[in-house]
Amino acid sequence: MMDEEDLILEQYELLWQYQQVDMELDRYEKEMRSNPNRRELLKHREFLLEQQGVLKKIETDVEIMCDRIEALADEITRLNGAAAEAAANFEANRPEDLEEARKQIASIQKLIATISRYEAELAKMRKDSEARDRQQREVRVRAAKARAEFDRIKVIYDEEFKAASVKLEELKAKVAKEAKGIDAEILEKYKTIKRQTTPPMTRIHDDRCGGCNMQLPAADMNMIRTGAAYVMCENCGRIILVK
């Protein structure tokens, strides 16, 4: 009949075997993530999302420009009417007072200056709007090419992923199988350490942690001499198997 120390050692030896397949699974998942076609797909997807953002901004800018162009055109029409009316009124009713004449002429000149300023702004807005239209067409062409390349690579990658997924599921099944028989609390400890340090377990080597290579403190060495199945590394937090 196994004593408590033997049971503990057995549990941690099972956990060690579990770690071997768990690390194999991690390596394979990393290999899948680093697949060249997957990286290309992510790059093209990022580019497409970026172009969508550019198009959305251009569309917003064009909407604002169109509203401003319409407002300017209406205001220029109104001011031209006001200037023509003021000029006609000045010709039909010449003021006898010189000061009044100067005021009316200054008012007409102000209207004309405002019209000129608005016309210059209108011309610039139309030019900017045309530039935005060209930019929009260029972005759509680039996005279409990127989309076509994305679709081409995706067909290839989907086949690769389908084949790789078979092995991935096999490894996951192996990990699940190795987990059987391991105490849930011990397995949870392993997973908690793994979130901070990988691999979570190591062996003792020349009184040092096999993970970080730090010398074990005297207290841990005393535990080992008295038959401890494992100790925890104070430096890296790993589980250190003694035997």
C-alpha atoms as a PDB file:
ATOM      1  CA  MET A   1       0.000   0.000   0.000  1.00  0.00           C
ATOM      2  CA  MET A   2       1.360   3.418  -0.996  1.00  0.00           C
ATOM      3  CA  ASP A   3       2.023   5.964   1.751  1.00  0.00           C
ATOM      4  CA  GLU A   4       1.104   9.653   1.470  1.00  0.00           C
ATOM      5  CA  GLU A   5       4.509  10.724   0.126  1.00  0.00           C
ATOM      6  CA  ASP A   6       4.331   8.104  -2.596  1.00  0.00           C
ATOM      7  CA  LEU A   7       0.825   9.238  -3.532  1.00  0.00           C
ATOM      8  CA  ILE A   8       1.982  12.845  -3.753  1.00  0.00           C
ATOM      9  CA  LEU A   9       4.990  11.835  -5.843  1.00  0.00           C
ATOM     10  CA  GLU A  10       2.748   9.812  -8.146  1.00  0.00           C
ATOM     11  CA  GLN A  11       0.446  12.797  -8.612  1.00  0.00           C
ATOM     12  CA  TYR A  12       3.326  15.082  -9.551  1.00  0.00           C
ATOM     13  CA  GLU A  13       4.856  12.471 -11.855  1.00  0.00           C
ATOM     14  CA  LEU A  14       1.473  12.280 -13.601  1.00  0.00           C
ATOM     15  CA  LEU A  15       1.512  16.065 -13.757  1.00  0.00           C
ATOM     16  CA  TRP A  16       4.991  15.901 -15.313  1.00  0.00           C
ATOM     17  CA  GLN A  17       3.710  13.559 -18.009  1.00  0.00           C
ATOM     18  CA  TYR A  18       0.740  15.876 -18.495  1.00  0.00           C
ATOM     19  CA  GLN A  19       3.133  18.792 -18.992  1.00  0.00           C
ATOM     20  CA  GLN A  20       4.960  16.966 -21.812  1.00  0.00           C
ATOM     21  CA  VAL A  21       1.815  16.706 -23.969  1.00  0.00           C
ATOM     22  CA  ASP A  22       0.565  20.105 -22.814  1.00  0.00           C
ATOM     23  CA  MET A  23       3.802  21.748 -23.995  1.00  0.00           C
ATOM     24  CA  GLU A  24       3.594  19.785 -27.245  1.00  0.00           C
ATOM     25  CA  LEU A  25       0.107  21.190 -27.753  1.00  0.00           C
ATOM     26  CA  ASP A  26       1.336  24.720 -27.010  1.00  0.00           C
ATOM     27  CA  ARG A  27       4.186  24.356 -29.501  1.00  0.00           C
ATOM     28  CA  TYR A  28       1.835  23.125 -32.194  1.00  0.00           C
ATOM     29  CA  GLU A  29      -0.652  25.943 -31.601  1.00  0.00           C
ATOM     30  CA  LYS A  30       2.231  28.427 -31.807  1.00  0.00           C
ATOM     31  CA  GLU A  31       3.330  26.791 -35.062  1.00  0.00           C
ATOM     32  CA  MET A  32      -0.198  27.154 -36.436  1.00  0.00           C
ATOM     33  CA  ARG A  33      -0.316  30.827 -35.432  1.00  0.00           C
ATOM     34  CA  SER A  34       3.020  31.462 -37.144  1.00  0.00           C
ATOM     35  CA  ASN A  35       1.841  29.916 -40.418  1.00  0.00           C
ATOM     36  CA  PRO A  36       3.046  32.269 -43.233  1.00  0.00           C
ATOM     37  CA  ASN A  37      -0.324  32.264 -44.973  1.00  0.00           C
ATOM     38  CA  ARG A  38      -2.081  33.061 -41.694  1.00  0.00           C
ATOM     39  CA  ARG A  39       0.258  36.015 -41.170  1.00  0.00           C
ATOM     40  CA  GLU A  40      -0.437  37.201 -44.727  1.00  0.00           C
ATOM     41  CA  LEU A  41      -4.185  36.937 -44.139  1.00  0.00           C
ATOM     42  CA  LEU A  42      -3.925  38.984 -40.951  1.00  0.00           C
ATOM     43  CA  LYS A  43      -1.811  41.595 -42.760  1.00  0.00           C
ATOM     44  CA  HIS A  44      -4.332  41.906 -45.605  1.00  0.00           C
ATOM     45  CA  ARG A  45      -7.256  41.987 -43.169  1.00  0.00           C
ATOM     46  CA  GLU A  46      -5.600  44.780 -41.214  1.00  0.00           C
ATOM     47  CA  PHE A  47      -4.979  46.684 -44.458  1.00  0.00           C
ATOM     48  CA  LEU A  48      -8.617  46.236 -45.540  1.00  0.00           C
ATOM     49  CA  LEU A  49      -9.878  47.501 -42.181  1.00  0.00           C
ATOM     50  CA  GLU A  50      -7.545  50.474 -42.472  1.00  0.00           C
ATOM     51  CA  GLN A  51      -8.836  51.259 -45.980  1.00  0.00           C
ATOM     52  CA  GLN A  52     -12.423  51.005 -44.739  1.00  0.00           C
ATOM     53  CA  GLY A  53     -11.564  53.624 -42.129  1.00  0.00           C
ATOM     54  CA  VAL A  54      -9.980  55.844 -44.805  1.00  0.00           C
ATOM     55  CA  LEU A  55     -13.063  55.516 -47.035  1.00  0.00           C
ATOM     56  CA  LYS A  56     -15.382  56.334 -44.155  1.00  0.00           C
ATOM     57  CA  LYS A  57     -13.389  59.482 -43.374  1.00  0.00           C
ATOM     58  CA  ILE A  58     -13.358  60.519 -47.047  1.00  0.00           C
ATOM     59  CA  GLU A  59     -17.119  60.004 -47.283  1.00  0.00           C
ATOM     60  CA  THR A  60     -17.641  62.107 -44.168  1.00  0.00           C
ATOM     61  CA  ASP A  61     -15.335  64.843 -45.544  1.00  0.00           C
ATOM     62  CA  VAL A  62     -17.157  64.824 -48.890  1.00  0.00           C
ATOM     63  CA  GLU A  63     -20.553  65.122 -47.187  1.00  0.00           C
ATOM     64  CA  ILE A  64     -19.308  68.131 -45.191  1.00  0.00           C
ATOM     65  CA  MET A  65     -17.805  69.673 -48.349  1.00  0.00           C
ATOM     66  CA  CYS A  66     -21.011  69.162 -50.342  1.00  0.00           C
ATOM     67  CA  ASP A  67     -23.042  70.863 -47.630  1.00  0.00           C
ATOM     68  CA  ARG A  68     -20.561  73.758 -47.536  1.00  0.00           C
ATOM     69  CA  ILE A  69     -20.469  74.057 -51.349  1.00  0.00           C
ATOM     70  CA  GLU A  70     -24.256  74.211 -51.461  1.00  0.00           C
ATOM     71  CA  ALA A  71     -24.349  76.792 -48.678  1.00  0.00           C
ATOM     72  CA  LEU A  72     -21.669  78.920 -50.391  1.00  0.00           C
ATOM     73  CA  ALA A  73     -23.435  78.773 -53.757  1.00  0.00           C
ATOM     74  CA  ASP A  74     -26.709  79.888 -52.158  1.00  0.00           C
ATOM     75  CA  GLU A  75     -24.970  82.689 -50.253  1.00  0.00           C
ATOM     76  CA  ILE A  76     -23.126  83.909 -53.380  1.00  0.00           C
ATOM     77  CA  THR A  77     -26.430  83.988 -55.280  1.00  0.00           C
ATOM     78  CA  ARG A  78     -28.053  85.982 -52.478  1.00  0.00           C
ATOM     79  CA  LEU A  79     -25.129  88.414 -52.202  1.00  0.00           C
ATOM     80  CA  ASN A  80     -24.993  88.941 -55.973  1.00  0.00           C
ATOM     81  CA  GLY A  81     -28.670  89.824 -55.869  1.00  0.00           C
ATOM     82  CA  ALA A  82     -28.130  92.172 -52.946  1.00  0.00           C
ATOM     83  CA  ALA A  83     -25.131  93.841 -54.668  1.00  0.00           C
ATOM     84  CA  ALA A  84     -27.037  94.260 -57.952  1.00  0.00           C
ATOM     85  CA  GLU A  85     -30.011  95.731 -56.140  1.00  0.00           C
ATOM     86  CA  ALA A  86     -27.790  98.119 -54.159  1.00  0.00           C
ATOM     87  CA  ALA A  87     -25.982  99.240 -57.335  1.00  0.00           C
ATOM     88  CA  ALA A  88     -29.269  99.760 -59.196  1.00  0.00           C
ATOM     89  CA  ASN A  89     -30.683 101.720 -56.272  1.00  0.00           C
ATOM     90  CA  PHE A  90     -27.529 103.857 -56.170  1.00  0.00           C
ATOM     91  CA  GLU A  91     -27.801 104.659 -59.894  1.00  0.00           C
ATOM     92  CA  ALA A  92     -31.540 105.364 -59.712  1.00  0.00           C
ATOM     93  CA  ASN A  93     -31.387 107.436 -56.549  1.00  0.00           C
ATOM     94  CA  ARG A  94     -28.064 109.211 -56.457  1.00  0.00           C
ATOM     95  CA  PRO A  95     -27.571 110.577 -52.959  1.00  0.00           C
ATOM     96  CA  GLU A  96     -27.080 114.336 -52.838  1.00  0.00           C
ATOM     97  CA  ASP A  97     -24.929 114.053 -49.708  1.00  0.00           C
ATOM     98  CA  LEU A  98     -21.292 113.032 -50.414  1.00  0.00           C
ATOM     99  CA  GLU A  99     -20.988 111.200 -47.130  1.00  0.00           C
ATOM    100  CA  GLU A 100     -24.110 109.137 -47.867  1.00  0.00           C
ATOM    101  CA  ALA A 101     -22.771 108.338 -51.320  1.00  0.00           C
ATOM    102  CA  ARG A 102     -19.529 107.100 -49.806  1.00  0.00           C
ATOM    103  CA  LYS A 103     -21.442 104.922 -47.332  1.00  0.00           C
ATOM    104  CA  GLN A 104     -23.517 103.312 -50.102  1.00  0.00           C
ATOM    105  CA  ILE A 105     -20.462 102.723 -52.310  1.00  0.00           C
ATOM    106  CA  ALA A 106     -18.570 101.214 -49.334  1.00  0.00           C
ATOM    107  CA  SER A 107     -21.546  98.938 -48.634  1.00  0.00           C
ATOM    108  CA  ILE A 108     -21.600  97.759 -52.270  1.00  0.00           C
ATOM    109  CA  GLN A 109     -17.821  97.212 -52.235  1.00  0.00           C
ATOM    110  CA  LYS A 110     -18.122  95.191 -49.032  1.00  0.00           C
ATOM    111  CA  LEU A 111     -20.742  92.972 -50.701  1.00  0.00           C
ATOM    112  CA  ILE A 112     -18.481  92.514 -53.725  1.00  0.00           C
ATOM    113  CA  ALA A 113     -15.476  91.687 -51.492  1.00  0.00           C
ATOM    114  CA  THR A 114     -17.532  89.123 -49.584  1.00  0.00           C
ATOM    115  CA  ILE A 115     -18.698  87.577 -52.848  1.00  0.00           C
ATOM    116  CA  SER A 116     -15.080  87.324 -54.054  1.00  0.00           C
ATOM    117  CA  ARG A 117     -14.007  85.689 -50.805  1.00  0.00           C
ATOM    118  CA  TYR A 118     -16.859  83.183 -50.968  1.00  0.00           C
ATOM    119  CA  GLU A 119     -16.159  82.444 -54.639  1.00  0.00           C
ATOM    120  CA  ALA A 120     -12.497  81.740 -53.816  1.00  0.00           C
ATOM    121  CA  GLU A 121     -13.559  79.428 -50.983  1.00  0.00           C
ATOM    122  CA  LEU A 122     -16.098  77.760 -53.277  1.00  0.00           C
ATOM    123  CA  ALA A 123     -13.439  77.135 -55.925  1.00  0.00           C
ATOM    124  CA  LYS A 124     -11.118  75.643 -53.291  1.00  0.00           C
ATOM    125  CA  MET A 125     -13.879  73.462 -51.871  1.00  0.00           C
ATOM    126  CA  ARG A 126     -14.713  72.116 -55.331  1.00  0.00           C
ATOM    127  CA  LYS A 127     -11.032  71.407 -55.982  1.00  0.00           C
ATOM    128  CA  ASP A 128     -10.698  69.631 -52.628  1.00  0.00           C
ATOM    129  CA  SER A 129     -13.865  67.676 -53.337  1.00  0.00           C
ATOM    130  CA  GLU A 130     -12.481  66.508 -56.679  1.00  0.00           C
ATOM    131  CA  ALA A 131      -9.241  65.492 -54.945  1.00  0.00           C
ATOM    132  CA  ARG A 132     -11.260  63.504 -52.386  1.00  0.00           C
ATOM    133  CA  ASP A 133     -13.124  61.787 -55.221  1.00  0.00           C
ATOM    134  CA  ARG A 134      -9.826  60.764 -56.836  1.00  0.00           C
ATOM    135  CA  GLN A 135      -8.492  59.585 -53.488  1.00  0.00           C
ATOM    136  CA  GLN A 136     -11.648  57.574 -52.918  1.00  0.00           C
ATOM    137  CA  ARG A 137     -11.292  55.835 -56.287  1.00  0.00           C
ATOM    138  CA  GLU A 138      -7.620  55.042 -55.580  1.00  0.00           C
ATOM    139  CA  VAL A 139      -8.473  53.613 -52.150  1.00  0.00           C
ATOM    140  CA  ARG A 140     -11.216  51.436 -53.643  1.00  0.00           C
ATOM    141  CA  VAL A 141      -8.798  50.081 -56.258  1.00  0.00           C
ATOM    142  CA  ARG A 142      -6.176  49.258 -53.594  1.00  0.00           C
ATOM    143  CA  ALA A 143      -8.796  47.682 -51.348  1.00  0.00           C
ATOM    144  CA  ALA A 144     -10.156  45.572 -54.224  1.00  0.00           C
ATOM    145  CA  LYS A 145      -6.664  44.235 -54.991  1.00  0.00           C
ATOM    146  CA  ALA A 146      -6.048  43.479 -51.317  1.00  0.00           C
ATOM    147  CA  ARG A 147      -9.425  41.749 -51.064  1.00  0.00           C
ATOM    148  CA  ALA A 148      -8.681  39.581 -54.088  1.00  0.00           C
ATOM    149  CA  GLU A 149      -5.310  38.592 -52.610  1.00  0.00           C
ATOM    150  CA  PHE A 150      -6.955  37.932 -49.225  1.00  0.00           C
ATOM    151  CA  ASP A 151      -9.518  35.614 -50.862  1.00  0.00           C
ATOM    152  CA  ARG A 152      -6.786  33.792 -52.818  1.00  0.00           C
ATOM    153  CA  ILE A 153      -4.641  33.152 -49.741  1.00  0.00           C
ATOM    154  CA  LYS A 154      -7.660  32.206 -47.620  1.00  0.00           C
ATOM    155  CA  VAL A 155      -8.490  29.292 -49.910  1.00  0.00           C
ATOM    156  CA  ILE A 156      -4.951  27.954 -49.417  1.00  0.00           C
ATOM    157  CA  TYR A 157      -4.893  28.626 -45.674  1.00  0.00           C
ATOM    158  CA  ASP A 158      -8.300  27.039 -45.085  1.00  0.00           C
ATOM    159  CA  GLU A 159      -6.975  23.779 -46.519  1.00  0.00           C
ATOM    160  CA  GLU A 160      -3.829  24.015 -44.389  1.00  0.00           C
ATOM    161  CA  PHE A 161      -5.872  24.781 -41.281  1.00  0.00           C
ATOM    162  CA  LYS A 162      -8.230  21.895 -41.974  1.00  0.00           C
ATOM    163  CA  ALA A 163      -5.304  19.476 -42.150  1.00  0.00           C
ATOM    164  CA  ALA A 164      -3.570  21.002 -39.102  1.00  0.00           C
ATOM    165  CA  SER A 165      -6.792  20.887 -37.075  1.00  0.00           C
ATOM    166  CA  VAL A 166      -6.805  17.085 -37.229  1.00  0.00           C
ATOM    167  CA  LYS A 167      -3.487  16.909 -35.384  1.00  0.00           C
ATOM    168  CA  LEU A 168      -4.570  19.753 -33.075  1.00  0.00           C
ATOM    169  CA  GLU A 169      -7.631  17.791 -31.958  1.00  0.00           C
ATOM    170  CA  GLU A 170      -5.488  14.684 -31.459  1.00  0.00           C
ATOM    171  CA  LEU A 171      -3.143  16.629 -29.189  1.00  0.00           C
ATOM    172  CA  LYS A 172      -6.045  18.113 -27.254  1.00  0.00           C
ATOM    173  CA  ALA A 173      -7.413  14.619 -26.748  1.00  0.00           C
ATOM    174  CA  LYS A 174      -3.985  13.470 -25.473  1.00  0.00           C
ATOM    175  CA  VAL A 175      -3.878  16.384 -23.021  1.00  0.00           C
ATOM    176  CA  ALA A 176      -7.372  15.564 -21.764  1.00  0.00           C
ATOM    177  CA  LYS A 177      -6.395  11.906 -21.365  1.00  0.00           C
ATOM    178  CA  GLU A 178      -3.236  12.773 -19.403  1.00  0.00           C
ATOM    179  CA  ALA A 179      -5.288  15.020 -17.099  1.00  0.00           C
ATOM    180  CA  LYS A 180      -7.310  12.044 -15.901  1.00  0.00           C
ATOM    181  CA  GLY A 181      -6.155  10.840 -12.528  1.00  0.00           C
ATOM    182  CA  ILE A 182      -4.561  14.146 -11.557  1.00  0.00           C
ATOM    183  CA  ASP A 183      -6.071  15.861  -8.540  1.00  0.00           C
ATOM    184  CA  ALA A 184      -8.091  18.917  -9.651  1.00  0.00           C
ATOM    185  CA  GLU A 185      -6.392  21.179  -7.110  1.00  0.00           C
ATOM    186  CA  ILE A 186      -2.912  20.164  -8.312  1.00  0.00           C
ATOM    187  CA  LEU A 187      -3.918  20.651 -11.948  1.00  0.00           C
ATOM    188  CA  GLU A 188      -5.303  24.105 -11.146  1.00  0.00           C
ATOM    189  CA  LYS A 189      -2.018  25.006  -9.408  1.00  0.00           C
ATOM    190  CA  TYR A 190      -0.176  23.984 -12.598  1.00  0.00           C
ATOM    191  CA  LYS A 191      -2.455  26.137 -14.764  1.00  0.00           C
ATOM    192  CA  THR A 192      -2.085  29.124 -12.429  1.00  0.00           C
ATOM    193  CA  ILE A 193       1.719  28.918 -12.606  1.00  0.00           C
ATOM    194  CA  LYS A 194       1.549  28.460 -16.395  1.00  0.00           C
ATOM    195  CA  ARG A 195      -0.212  31.815 -16.761  1.00  0.00           C
ATOM    196  CA  GLN A 196       2.955  33.394 -15.334  1.00  0.00           C
ATOM    197  CA  THR A 197       5.774  31.000 -16.267  1.00  0.00           C
ATOM    198  CA  THR A 198       6.209  28.362 -18.952  1.00  0.00           C
ATOM    199  CA  PRO A 199       6.817  25.522 -18.488  1.00  0.00           C
ATOM    200  CA  PRO A 200       5.304  25.456 -14.984  1.00  0.00           C
ATOM    201  CA  MET A 201       7.306  22.384 -13.873  1.00  0.00           C
ATOM    202  CA  THR A 202      10.990  21.507 -13.926  1.00  0.00           C
ATOM    203  CA  ARG A 203      13.440  19.088 -12.361  1.00  0.00           C
ATOM    204  CA  ILE A 204      16.142  19.799  -9.799  1.00  0.00           C
ATOM    205  CA  HIS A 205      19.673  19.999 -11.268  1.00  0.00           C
ATOM    206  CA  ASP A 206      22.711  20.223  -8.964  1.00  0.00           C
ATOM    207  CA  ASP A 207      20.603  21.784  -6.186  1.00  0.00           C
ATOM    208  CA  ARG A 208      19.337  24.379  -8.655  1.00  0.00           C
ATOM    209  CA  CYS A 209      15.985  25.096 -10.239  1.00  0.00           C
ATOM    210  CA  GLY A 210      16.012  23.557 -13.718  1.00  0.00           C
ATOM    211  CA  GLY A 211      13.900  26.465 -14.970  1.00  0.00           C
ATOM    212  CA  CYS A 212      15.690  29.627 -13.795  1.00  0.00           C
ATOM    213  CA  ASN A 213      18.957  27.942 -12.648  1.00  0.00           C
ATOM    214  CA  MET A 214      18.835  29.664  -9.255  1.00  0.00           C
ATOM    215  CA  GLN A 215      20.404  27.933  -6.237  1.00  0.00           C
ATOM    216  CA  LEU A 216      17.725  26.504  -3.952  1.00  0.00           C
ATOM    217  CA  PRO A 217      17.646  27.978  -0.415  1.00  0.00           C
ATOM    218  CA  ALA A 218      18.685  25.896   2.597  1.00  0.00           C
ATOM    219  CA  ALA A 219      15.081  25.442   3.752  1.00  0.00           C
ATOM    220  CA  ASP A 220      14.110  23.838   0.441  1.00  0.00           C
ATOM    221  CA  MET A 221      17.186  21.621   0.501  1.00  0.00           C
ATOM    222  CA  ASN A 222      16.228  20.433   3.998  1.00  0.00           C
ATOM    223  CA  MET A 223      12.747  19.543   2.718  1.00  0.00           C
ATOM    224  CA  ILE A 224      14.324  17.577  -0.122  1.00  0.00           C
ATOM    225  CA  ARG A 225      16.645  15.703   2.266  1.00  0.00           C
ATOM    226  CA  THR A 226      13.665  14.714   4.401  1.00  0.00           C
ATOM    227  CA  GLY A 227      11.907  13.195   1.386  1.00  0.00           C
ATOM    228  CA  ALA A 228       9.801  15.987  -0.145  1.00  0.00           C
ATOM    229  CA  ALA A 229       8.510  15.020  -3.590  1.00  0.00           C
ATOM    230  CA  TYR A 230       8.677  18.610  -4.798  1.00  0.00           C
ATOM    231  CA  VAL A 231       9.431  22.188  -3.764  1.00  0.00           C
ATOM    232  CA  MET A 232       8.371  25.544  -5.184  1.00  0.00           C
ATOM    233  CA  CYS A 233      11.059  27.796  -6.649  1.00  0.00           C
ATOM    234  CA  GLU A 234      11.086  31.079  -4.726  1.00  0.00           C
ATOM    235  CA  ASN A 235      12.575  32.853  -7.744  1.00  0.00           C
ATOM    236  CA  CYS A 236      10.458  31.800 -10.747  1.00  0.00           C
ATOM    237  CA  GLY A 237       7.504  30.117  -9.016  1.00  0.00           C
ATOM    238  CA  ARG A 238       7.881  26.779 -10.816  1.00  0.00           C
ATOM    239  CA  ILE A 239       7.141  23.390  -9.306  1.00  0.00           C
ATOM    240  CA  ILE A 240      10.494  21.602  -8.933  1.00  0.00           C
ATOM    241  CA  LEU A 241      10.280  17.801  -8.946  1.00  0.00           C
ATOM    242  CA  VAL A 242      12.936  16.219  -6.765  1.00  0.00           C
ATOM    243  CA  LYS A 243      12.921  12.608  -7.968  1.00  0.00           C
END
